[in-house]
Structures are given as C-alpha cells and as structure tokens.
C-alpha atoms as a PDB file:
ATOM      1  CA  MET A   1      24.308  44.457  -0.288  1.00  0.00           C
ATOM      2  CA  ASN A   2      22.616  42.545  -2.981  1.00  0.00           C
ATOM      3  CA  GLY A   3      22.226  43.381  -6.546  1.00  0.00           C
ATOM      4  CA  LEU A   4      18.848  44.508  -6.798  1.00  0.00           C
ATOM      5  CA  THR A   5      19.235  47.094  -4.003  1.00  0.00           C
ATOM      6  CA  ALA A   6      22.471  48.394  -5.806  1.00  0.00           C
ATOM      7  CA  ARG A   7      20.631  48.652  -9.026  1.00  0.00           C
ATOM      8  CA  LEU A   8      17.643  50.647  -7.374  1.00  0.00           C
ATOM      9  CA  MET A   9      20.231  53.123  -5.638  1.00  0.00           C
ATOM     10  CA  VAL A  10      22.072  54.028  -8.969  1.00  0.00           C
ATOM     11  CA  PHE A  11      18.611  54.117 -10.945  1.00  0.00           C
ATOM     12  CA  THR A  12      17.741  56.656  -8.283  1.00  0.00           C
ATOM     13  CA  SER A  13      21.195  58.306  -8.663  1.00  0.00           C
ATOM     14  CA  GLY A  14      20.901  58.681 -12.414  1.00  0.00           C
ATOM     15  CA  PHE A  15      17.286  60.004 -11.933  1.00  0.00           C
ATOM     16  CA  ILE A  16      18.430  62.724  -9.827  1.00  0.00           C
ATOM     17  CA  VAL A  17      21.406  63.671 -12.020  1.00  0.00           C
ATOM     18  CA  MET A  18      19.154  64.320 -15.128  1.00  0.00           C
ATOM     19  CA  VAL A  19      16.361  66.044 -13.173  1.00  0.00           C
ATOM     20  CA  LEU A  20      19.237  68.481 -11.942  1.00  0.00           C
ATOM     21  CA  GLU A  21      20.392  68.799 -15.279  1.00  0.00           C
ATOM     22  CA  ILE A  22      17.183  69.665 -17.061  1.00  0.00           C
ATOM     23  CA  VAL A  23      15.823  71.799 -14.174  1.00  0.00           C
ATOM     24  CA  GLY A  24      19.134  73.518 -13.922  1.00  0.00           C
ATOM     25  CA  ALA A  25      18.752  75.029 -17.473  1.00  0.00           C
ATOM     26  CA  ARG A  26      15.468  76.736 -16.624  1.00  0.00           C
ATOM     27  CA  PHE A  27      17.243  77.667 -13.181  1.00  0.00           C
ATOM     28  CA  LEU A  28      19.976  79.229 -14.892  1.00  0.00           C
ATOM     29  CA  GLY A  29      17.907  80.982 -17.523  1.00  0.00           C
ATOM     30  CA  ARG A  30      16.391  83.553 -15.250  1.00  0.00           C
ATOM     31  CA  ASP A  31      20.087  85.172 -14.626  1.00  0.00           C
ATOM     32  CA  PHE A  32      21.736  84.201 -18.019  1.00  0.00           C
ATOM     33  CA  GLY A  33      18.769  84.068 -20.455  1.00  0.00           C
ATOM     34  CA  GLY A  34      17.616  81.171 -22.555  1.00  0.00           C
ATOM     35  CA  SER A  35      20.747  81.201 -25.048  1.00  0.00           C
ATOM     36  CA  PHE A  36      22.612  77.898 -26.436  1.00  0.00           C
ATOM     37  CA  PHE A  37      25.266  78.888 -24.031  1.00  0.00           C
ATOM     38  CA  VAL A  38      23.325  78.085 -21.226  1.00  0.00           C
ATOM     39  CA  TRP A  39      22.251  74.721 -22.362  1.00  0.00           C
ATOM     40  CA  VAL A  40      26.121  73.922 -23.366  1.00  0.00           C
ATOM     41  CA  SER A  41      27.296  74.946 -20.105  1.00  0.00           C
ATOM     42  CA  GLN A  42      24.848  72.843 -18.352  1.00  0.00           C
ATOM     43  CA  ILE A  43      25.463  69.687 -20.211  1.00  0.00           C
ATOM     44  CA  GLY A  44      29.333  70.131 -20.345  1.00  0.00           C
ATOM     45  CA  VAL A  45      29.415  70.798 -16.443  1.00  0.00           C
ATOM     46  CA  ILE A  46      27.283  67.511 -15.665  1.00  0.00           C
ATOM     47  CA  LEU A  47      29.546  65.429 -17.921  1.00  0.00           C
ATOM     48  CA  ILE A  48      32.729  66.929 -15.989  1.00  0.00           C
ATOM     49  CA  ALA A  49      31.093  65.909 -12.914  1.00  0.00           C
ATOM     50  CA  LEU A  50      30.359  62.586 -14.151  1.00  0.00           C
ATOM     51  CA  ALA A  51      33.719  61.995 -15.430  1.00  0.00           C
ATOM     52  CA  ALA A  52      35.298  63.195 -12.518  1.00  0.00           C
ATOM     53  CA  GLY A  53      32.880  61.407  -9.800  1.00  0.00           C
ATOM     54  CA  SER A  54      33.156  58.068 -11.656  1.00  0.00           C
ATOM     55  CA  TYR A  55      37.080  58.121 -11.663  1.00  0.00           C
ATOM     56  CA  LEU A  56      37.040  59.050  -7.692  1.00  0.00           C
ATOM     57  CA  GLY A  57      34.353  56.740  -6.953  1.00  0.00           C
ATOM     58  CA  GLY A  58      36.271  53.669  -8.729  1.00  0.00           C
ATOM     59  CA  ALA A  59      39.630  54.663  -6.916  1.00  0.00           C
ATOM     60  CA  TRP A  60      37.642  55.091  -3.692  1.00  0.00           C
ATOM     61  CA  ALA A  61      36.015  51.453  -3.981  1.00  0.00           C
ATOM     62  CA  ASP A  62      39.591  49.903  -4.167  1.00  0.00           C
ATOM     63  CA  ARG A  63      40.958  51.571  -1.264  1.00  0.00           C
ATOM     64  CA  ALA A  64      37.934  52.043   1.204  1.00  0.00           C
ATOM     65  CA  GLN A  65      36.582  49.409   3.474  1.00  0.00           C
ATOM     66  CA  ARG A  66      33.239  50.683   4.013  1.00  0.00           C
ATOM     67  CA  LEU A  67      30.289  52.643   2.528  1.00  0.00           C
ATOM     68  CA  ARG A  68      30.136  55.239   5.289  1.00  0.00           C
ATOM     69  CA  PRO A  69      32.461  57.822   3.623  1.00  0.00           C
ATOM     70  CA  ILE A  70      30.401  57.936   0.294  1.00  0.00           C
ATOM     71  CA  GLY A  71      27.181  58.028   2.621  1.00  0.00           C
ATOM     72  CA  VAL A  72      28.546  61.178   4.262  1.00  0.00           C
ATOM     73  CA  CYS A  73      29.453  62.736   0.946  1.00  0.00           C
ATOM     74  CA  LEU A  74      25.981  62.059  -0.374  1.00  0.00           C
ATOM     75  CA  LEU A  75      24.509  63.509   2.816  1.00  0.00           C
ATOM     76  CA  VAL A  76      26.377  66.752   2.597  1.00  0.00           C
ATOM     77  CA  ALA A  77      25.455  66.785  -1.376  1.00  0.00           C
ATOM     78  CA  GLY A  78      21.785  66.129  -0.434  1.00  0.00           C
ATOM     79  CA  LEU A  79      21.828  69.212   2.070  1.00  0.00           C
ATOM     80  CA  PHE A  80      23.640  71.115  -0.538  1.00  0.00           C
ATOM     81  CA  THR A  81      20.817  70.611  -3.105  1.00  0.00           C
ATOM     82  CA  ALA A  82      17.943  71.150  -0.865  1.00  0.00           C
ATOM     83  CA  LEU A  83      19.257  74.598   0.133  1.00  0.00           C
ATOM     84  CA  GLN A  84      20.091  75.931  -3.441  1.00  0.00           C
ATOM     85  CA  PRO A  85      16.847  77.895  -3.722  1.00  0.00           C
ATOM     86  CA  GLU A  86      18.476  80.029  -1.172  1.00  0.00           C
ATOM     87  CA  LEU A  87      22.450  79.730  -1.478  1.00  0.00           C
ATOM     88  CA  ALA A  88      22.156  79.817  -5.604  1.00  0.00           C
ATOM     89  CA  PRO A  89      20.932  83.355  -5.922  1.00  0.00           C
ATOM     90  CA  PRO A  90      23.365  85.387  -4.131  1.00  0.00           C
ATOM     91  CA  LEU A  91      26.315  83.328  -5.628  1.00  0.00           C
ATOM     92  CA  ILE A  92      24.771  83.565  -9.152  1.00  0.00           C
ATOM     93  CA  VAL A  93      24.294  87.488  -8.830  1.00  0.00           C
ATOM     94  CA  SER A  94      27.908  87.804  -7.856  1.00  0.00           C
ATOM     95  CA  ILE A  95      28.698  86.253 -11.041  1.00  0.00           C
ATOM     96  CA  VAL A  96      26.470  88.470 -13.143  1.00  0.00           C
ATOM     97  CA  ALA A  97      27.358  91.622 -11.088  1.00  0.00           C
ATOM     98  CA  ARG A  98      30.849  91.748 -12.253  1.00  0.00           C
ATOM     99  CA  HIS A  99      30.003  93.298 -15.424  1.00  0.00           C
ATOM    100  CA  PRO A 100      29.140  96.742 -15.796  1.00  0.00           C
ATOM    101  CA  ALA A 101      25.299  97.388 -16.164  1.00  0.00           C
ATOM    102  CA  ASP A 102      25.828 100.227 -18.788  1.00  0.00           C
ATOM    103  CA  ALA A 103      28.178  98.070 -21.003  1.00  0.00           C
ATOM    104  CA  PRO A 104      27.629  95.091 -23.214  1.00  0.00           C
ATOM    105  CA  ILE A 105      28.858  91.563 -21.847  1.00  0.00           C
ATOM    106  CA  PRO A 106      32.057  90.658 -23.654  1.00  0.00           C
ATOM    107  CA  MET A 107      31.109  87.424 -25.785  1.00  0.00           C
ATOM    108  CA  VAL A 108      33.889  85.185 -23.759  1.00  0.00           C
ATOM    109  CA  TRP A 109      32.043  86.004 -20.584  1.00  0.00           C
ATOM    110  CA  GLN A 110      28.507  85.503 -22.311  1.00  0.00           C
ATOM    111  CA  LYS A 111      30.026  81.911 -23.037  1.00  0.00           C
ATOM    112  CA  LEU A 112      31.609  81.173 -19.647  1.00  0.00           C
ATOM    113  CA  ASP A 113      29.284  83.229 -16.848  1.00  0.00           C
ATOM    114  CA  PRO A 114      26.731  80.288 -17.377  1.00  0.00           C
ATOM    115  CA  VAL A 115      29.616  77.695 -17.039  1.00  0.00           C
ATOM    116  CA  LEU A 116      30.485  79.310 -13.651  1.00  0.00           C
ATOM    117  CA  GLY A 117      26.673  79.488 -12.410  1.00  0.00           C
ATOM    118  CA  SER A 118      26.085  75.819 -13.425  1.00  0.00           C
ATOM    119  CA  ALA A 119      29.333  74.648 -11.582  1.00  0.00           C
ATOM    120  CA  VAL A 120      28.507  76.515  -8.479  1.00  0.00           C
ATOM    121  CA  VAL A 121      25.008  75.081  -8.215  1.00  0.00           C
ATOM    122  CA  PHE A 122      25.381  71.603  -9.780  1.00  0.00           C
ATOM    123  CA  LEU A 123      29.036  70.203  -9.857  1.00  0.00           C
ATOM    124  CA  LEU A 124      29.155  69.075  -6.392  1.00  0.00           C
ATOM    125  CA  PRO A 125      25.944  67.115  -6.094  1.00  0.00           C
ATOM    126  CA  ALA A 126      26.385  65.563  -9.681  1.00  0.00           C
ATOM    127  CA  LEU A 127      29.972  64.606  -8.715  1.00  0.00           C
ATOM    128  CA  ALA A 128      28.909  63.165  -5.639  1.00  0.00           C
ATOM    129  CA  LEU A 129      26.053  61.104  -7.467  1.00  0.00           C
ATOM    130  CA  ALA A 130      28.838  59.826 -10.023  1.00  0.00           C
ATOM    131  CA  THR A 131      30.833  58.134  -7.442  1.00  0.00           C
ATOM    132  CA  LEU A 132      28.116  55.733  -6.410  1.00  0.00           C
ATOM    133  CA  PRO A 133      27.983  53.499  -9.582  1.00  0.00           C
ATOM    134  CA  PRO A 134      31.600  52.262  -9.624  1.00  0.00           C
ATOM    135  CA  TYR A 135      31.438  51.929  -6.071  1.00  0.00           C
ATOM    136  CA  LEU A 136      28.489  49.744  -5.835  1.00  0.00           C
ATOM    137  CA  ILE A 137      29.949  47.745  -8.717  1.00  0.00           C
ATOM    138  CA  ARG A 138      32.621  46.694  -6.151  1.00  0.00           C
ATOM    139  CA  TRP A 139      30.118  46.087  -3.232  1.00  0.00           C
ATOM    140  CA  SER A 140      27.545  44.058  -5.204  1.00  0.00           C
ATOM    141  CA  THR A 141      30.025  41.907  -6.857  1.00  0.00           C
ATOM    142  CA  GLY A 142      31.474  38.703  -5.287  1.00  0.00           C
ATOM    143  CA  SER A 143      33.322  37.044  -8.056  1.00  0.00           C
ATOM    144  CA  LEU A 144      35.413  37.912 -11.274  1.00  0.00           C
ATOM    145  CA  GLY A 145      33.091  35.527 -12.932  1.00  0.00           C
ATOM    146  CA  ARG A 146      30.134  38.019 -12.564  1.00  0.00           C
ATOM    147  CA  LEU A 147      31.867  41.254 -12.724  1.00  0.00           C
ATOM    148  CA  GLY A 148      30.882  41.861 -16.559  1.00  0.00           C
ATOM    149  CA  ARG A 149      27.278  41.272 -15.733  1.00  0.00           C
ATOM    150  CA  SER A 150      27.208  42.872 -12.418  1.00  0.00           C
ATOM    151  CA  SER A 151      28.771  46.296 -14.034  1.00  0.00           C
ATOM    152  CA  ALA A 152      26.513  46.179 -17.065  1.00  0.00           C
ATOM    153  CA  ALA A 153      23.495  45.841 -14.762  1.00  0.00           C
ATOM    154  CA  ILE A 154      24.804  48.967 -12.706  1.00  0.00           C
ATOM    155  CA  VAL A 155      25.573  51.018 -15.666  1.00  0.00           C
ATOM    156  CA  ALA A 156      22.312  49.977 -17.419  1.00  0.00           C
ATOM    157  CA  SER A 157      20.205  50.787 -14.375  1.00  0.00           C
ATOM    158  CA  ASN A 158      22.083  54.020 -14.141  1.00  0.00           C
ATOM    159  CA  THR A 159      21.405  54.952 -17.621  1.00  0.00           C
ATOM    160  CA  LEU A 160      17.624  54.007 -17.192  1.00  0.00           C
ATOM    161  CA  GLY A 161      17.238  56.161 -14.424  1.00  0.00           C
ATOM    162  CA  GLY A 162      18.787  59.146 -16.357  1.00  0.00           C
ATOM    163  CA  ILE A 163      16.250  58.253 -19.253  1.00  0.00           C
ATOM    164  CA  ALA A 164      13.320  58.345 -16.493  1.00  0.00           C
ATOM    165  CA  GLY A 165      14.546  61.651 -15.024  1.00  0.00           C
ATOM    166  CA  VAL A 166      14.591  63.409 -18.471  1.00  0.00           C
ATOM    167  CA  PHE A 167      10.897  62.453 -19.286  1.00  0.00           C
ATOM    168  CA  VAL A 168       9.694  62.908 -15.718  1.00  0.00           C
ATOM    169  CA  THR A 169      11.075  66.288 -15.460  1.00  0.00           C
ATOM    170  CA  GLY A 170       9.877  67.659 -18.736  1.00  0.00           C
ATOM    171  CA  TYR A 171       6.703  65.901 -18.856  1.00  0.00           C
ATOM    172  CA  VAL A 172       5.667  66.163 -15.072  1.00  0.00           C
ATOM    173  CA  LEU A 173       7.938  67.883 -12.742  1.00  0.00           C
ATOM    174  CA  LEU A 174       8.263  71.252 -14.259  1.00  0.00           C
ATOM    175  CA  ASP A 175       4.469  71.467 -14.895  1.00  0.00           C
ATOM    176  CA  VAL A 176       3.430  70.386 -11.194  1.00  0.00           C
ATOM    177  CA  MET A 177       5.964  71.645  -9.012  1.00  0.00           C
ATOM    178  CA  ARG A 178       8.193  74.865  -8.576  1.00  0.00           C
ATOM    179  CA  ILE A 179      11.751  74.900  -9.276  1.00  0.00           C
ATOM    180  CA  SER A 180      12.665  75.316  -5.692  1.00  0.00           C
ATOM    181  CA  SER A 181      10.622  72.395  -4.760  1.00  0.00           C
ATOM    182  CA  ILE A 182      12.185  70.222  -7.215  1.00  0.00           C
ATOM    183  CA  PHE A 183      15.676  71.066  -5.787  1.00  0.00           C
ATOM    184  CA  ARG A 184      14.161  70.009  -1.921  1.00  0.00           C
ATOM    185  CA  LEU A 185      12.904  66.854  -3.469  1.00  0.00           C
ATOM    186  CA  MET A 186      16.151  66.039  -5.115  1.00  0.00           C
ATOM    187  CA  GLY A 187      17.981  66.965  -1.961  1.00  0.00           C
ATOM    188  CA  ALA A 188      15.599  64.331  -0.143  1.00  0.00           C
ATOM    189  CA  LEU A 189      16.313  61.625  -2.637  1.00  0.00           C
ATOM    190  CA  ILE A 190      20.153  62.107  -2.281  1.00  0.00           C
ATOM    191  CA  ALA A 191      19.883  62.182   1.304  1.00  0.00           C
ATOM    192  CA  LEU A 192      17.797  58.833   1.325  1.00  0.00           C
ATOM    193  CA  LEU A 193      20.630  57.426  -0.824  1.00  0.00           C
ATOM    194  CA  ALA A 194      23.132  58.509   1.939  1.00  0.00           C
ATOM    195  CA  LEU A 195      21.031  56.735   4.680  1.00  0.00           C
ATOM    196  CA  CYS A 196      21.087  53.643   2.303  1.00  0.00           C
ATOM    197  CA  CYS A 197      24.737  53.572   2.089  1.00  0.00           C
ATOM    198  CA  LEU A 198      25.180  54.154   6.086  1.00  0.00           C
ATOM    199  CA  CYS A 199      22.741  51.347   6.592  1.00  0.00           C
ATOM    200  CA  ALA A 200      24.644  49.149   4.244  1.00  0.00           C
ATOM    201  CA  ASP A 201      27.684  50.080   5.879  1.00  0.00           C
ATOM    202  CA  ARG A 202      26.545  48.824   9.371  1.00  0.00           C
ATOM    203  CA  LEU A 203      26.228  45.143   8.031  1.00  0.00           C
ATOM    204  CA  GLY A 204      29.840  44.920   7.361  1.00  0.00           C
ATOM    205  CA  PRO A 205      32.900  45.843   5.306  1.00  0.00           C
ATOM    206  CA  MET A 206      31.999  43.865   2.200  1.00  0.00           C
ATOM    207  CA  GLY A 207      32.976  46.258  -0.194  1.00  0.00           C
ATOM    208  CA  GLY A 208      36.633  45.909   0.921  1.00  0.00           C
ATOM    209  CA  ARG A 209      36.475  41.941   0.089  1.00  0.00           C
ATOM    210  CA  ASN A 210      38.653  40.551  -2.605  1.00  0.00           C
ATOM    211  CA  LEU A 211      36.737  39.506  -5.576  1.00  0.00           C
ATOM    212  CA  ALA A 212      36.732  35.740  -6.089  1.00  0.00           C
ATOM    213  CA  PRO A 213      39.117  34.772  -9.211  1.00  0.00           C
ATOM    214  CA  LEU A 214      37.617  33.045 -12.037  1.00  0.00           C
ATOM    215  CA  PRO A 215      37.833  29.249 -12.175  1.00  0.00           C
ATOM    216  CA  ALA A 216      40.678  27.589 -13.922  1.00  0.00           C
ATOM    217  CA  ALA A 217      39.339  26.093 -17.441  1.00  0.00           C
ATOM    218  CA  ALA A 218      39.459  22.458 -17.392  1.00  0.00           C
ATOM    219  CA  GLY A 219      42.381  20.828 -18.900  1.00  0.00           C
ATOM    220  CA  ALA A 220      44.074  24.106 -18.963  1.00  0.00           C
ATOM    221  CA  SER A 221      47.815  24.110 -18.562  1.00  0.00           C
ATOM    222  CA  THR A 222      49.812  26.580 -16.509  1.00  0.00           C
ATOM    223  CA  ASP A 223      53.409  25.300 -18.031  1.00  0.00           C
ATOM    224  CA  CYS A 224      54.022  27.846 -20.873  1.00  0.00           C
ATOM    225  CA  SER A 225      56.898  25.544 -22.079  1.00  0.00           C
END
C-alpha cells in the first residue's frame, strides 16, 4: 500500500469519526435532552474509543501479518453503524426506562445515562476506525529513516479528515440529510474502508515486514572503548 492510499484512508476514517460525534449529540438529545452532559458524554466516549483503538491498532500492527483482520473488523463496524437507526432506539429506551416516570432522575444518572447511550451507539465504530491510523503507519512505512515523516503524514491526514467532518456535518449534512441517512452513509463509508483493507491484503503481507534500519552514519564508530 502506498502512502497516498494510506493517507486517503485515514482522512476518511477521521472524517467519519467526527461526523458520528457531531451527529451523535443531536441523536442522543432526543432522549437525553440537549444538556451540557450530553455533549460531555459524547466527546468523552469518542475520546475513550480513539485512545483504546489507537493502542489496539498499534499492538495489532506489530503482531499481524495481514490487513484482513482489520478489514473484517471495519466491515462489522460499518454494518453496525448503518443499522443504528433501527438498533439504537430500543437500546436507548431501555436506559431511560430504568427510571420511574413519576420521580425525578437523580443527578448522577442525568450525567451517566448519556454516557451509556453514547457508548452503546458510538463506541464500537469509533474504536474500529481508530485502529486504522497506527496500522497503516506500519503498512505504509518501509524504512525507519522515513518513519517520522510517514507517521506525521498519517496523523495529519487523520486530523484533517476530522476537521472536514466537523464543518461538513455542521454546515451541510445536518441541513440536507436526515440523521438516519447520515448513519447509513457513514456505515457505507466504513464498509468501503473495510473493502480497501481487504483488497490491500490480497497484494501480500506487507504489514508484517521488518522496517529497514537507518543507515549507519558516515565515520561513526561502533567501538565505545
């Protein structure tokens, strides 16, 4: 996999994550209200998913020889995301319905219920997408001499995708599409990323290669005495 393909893929993954984060606050607001706690919950859950996914993706990249496993993971996440308009409502209702209708909801649950709702809907797809950048750093880097530039390009592309996702969602998608349609569109994009991984996997186990070491500096001595 060349560097340009890897950067386009992580740009797309960053874009999807931020679309889901912004849309998610609107989606959760229907059941949990538009309080500050909903935004805090959504941001917090996405950050948890990004941290866990980045760690798992890096560990996976060091052990796996193929891209097929991450492609399958993304395919499941894409299907899960596309089906959220049908899957999420009964799950969220079960969270809200735990509280008696004739009694005020305790403050602790006003804060934690949106966290549970966000985790049910968004933790899996965000975590799966977060595994992609560290994995593709390994796949798109052939030499330790380029590791810094390669990883910086991947991280920057992922961040630029997130920036695009914020503005496109806030200024375009929420104005022209229903939330259910946005979920299905993001699910399709995740599935497309999965297919890219599966196609790259067919080209060979490049991800398991050993990175070529840095050339020895001219005149450097290996004798420490």
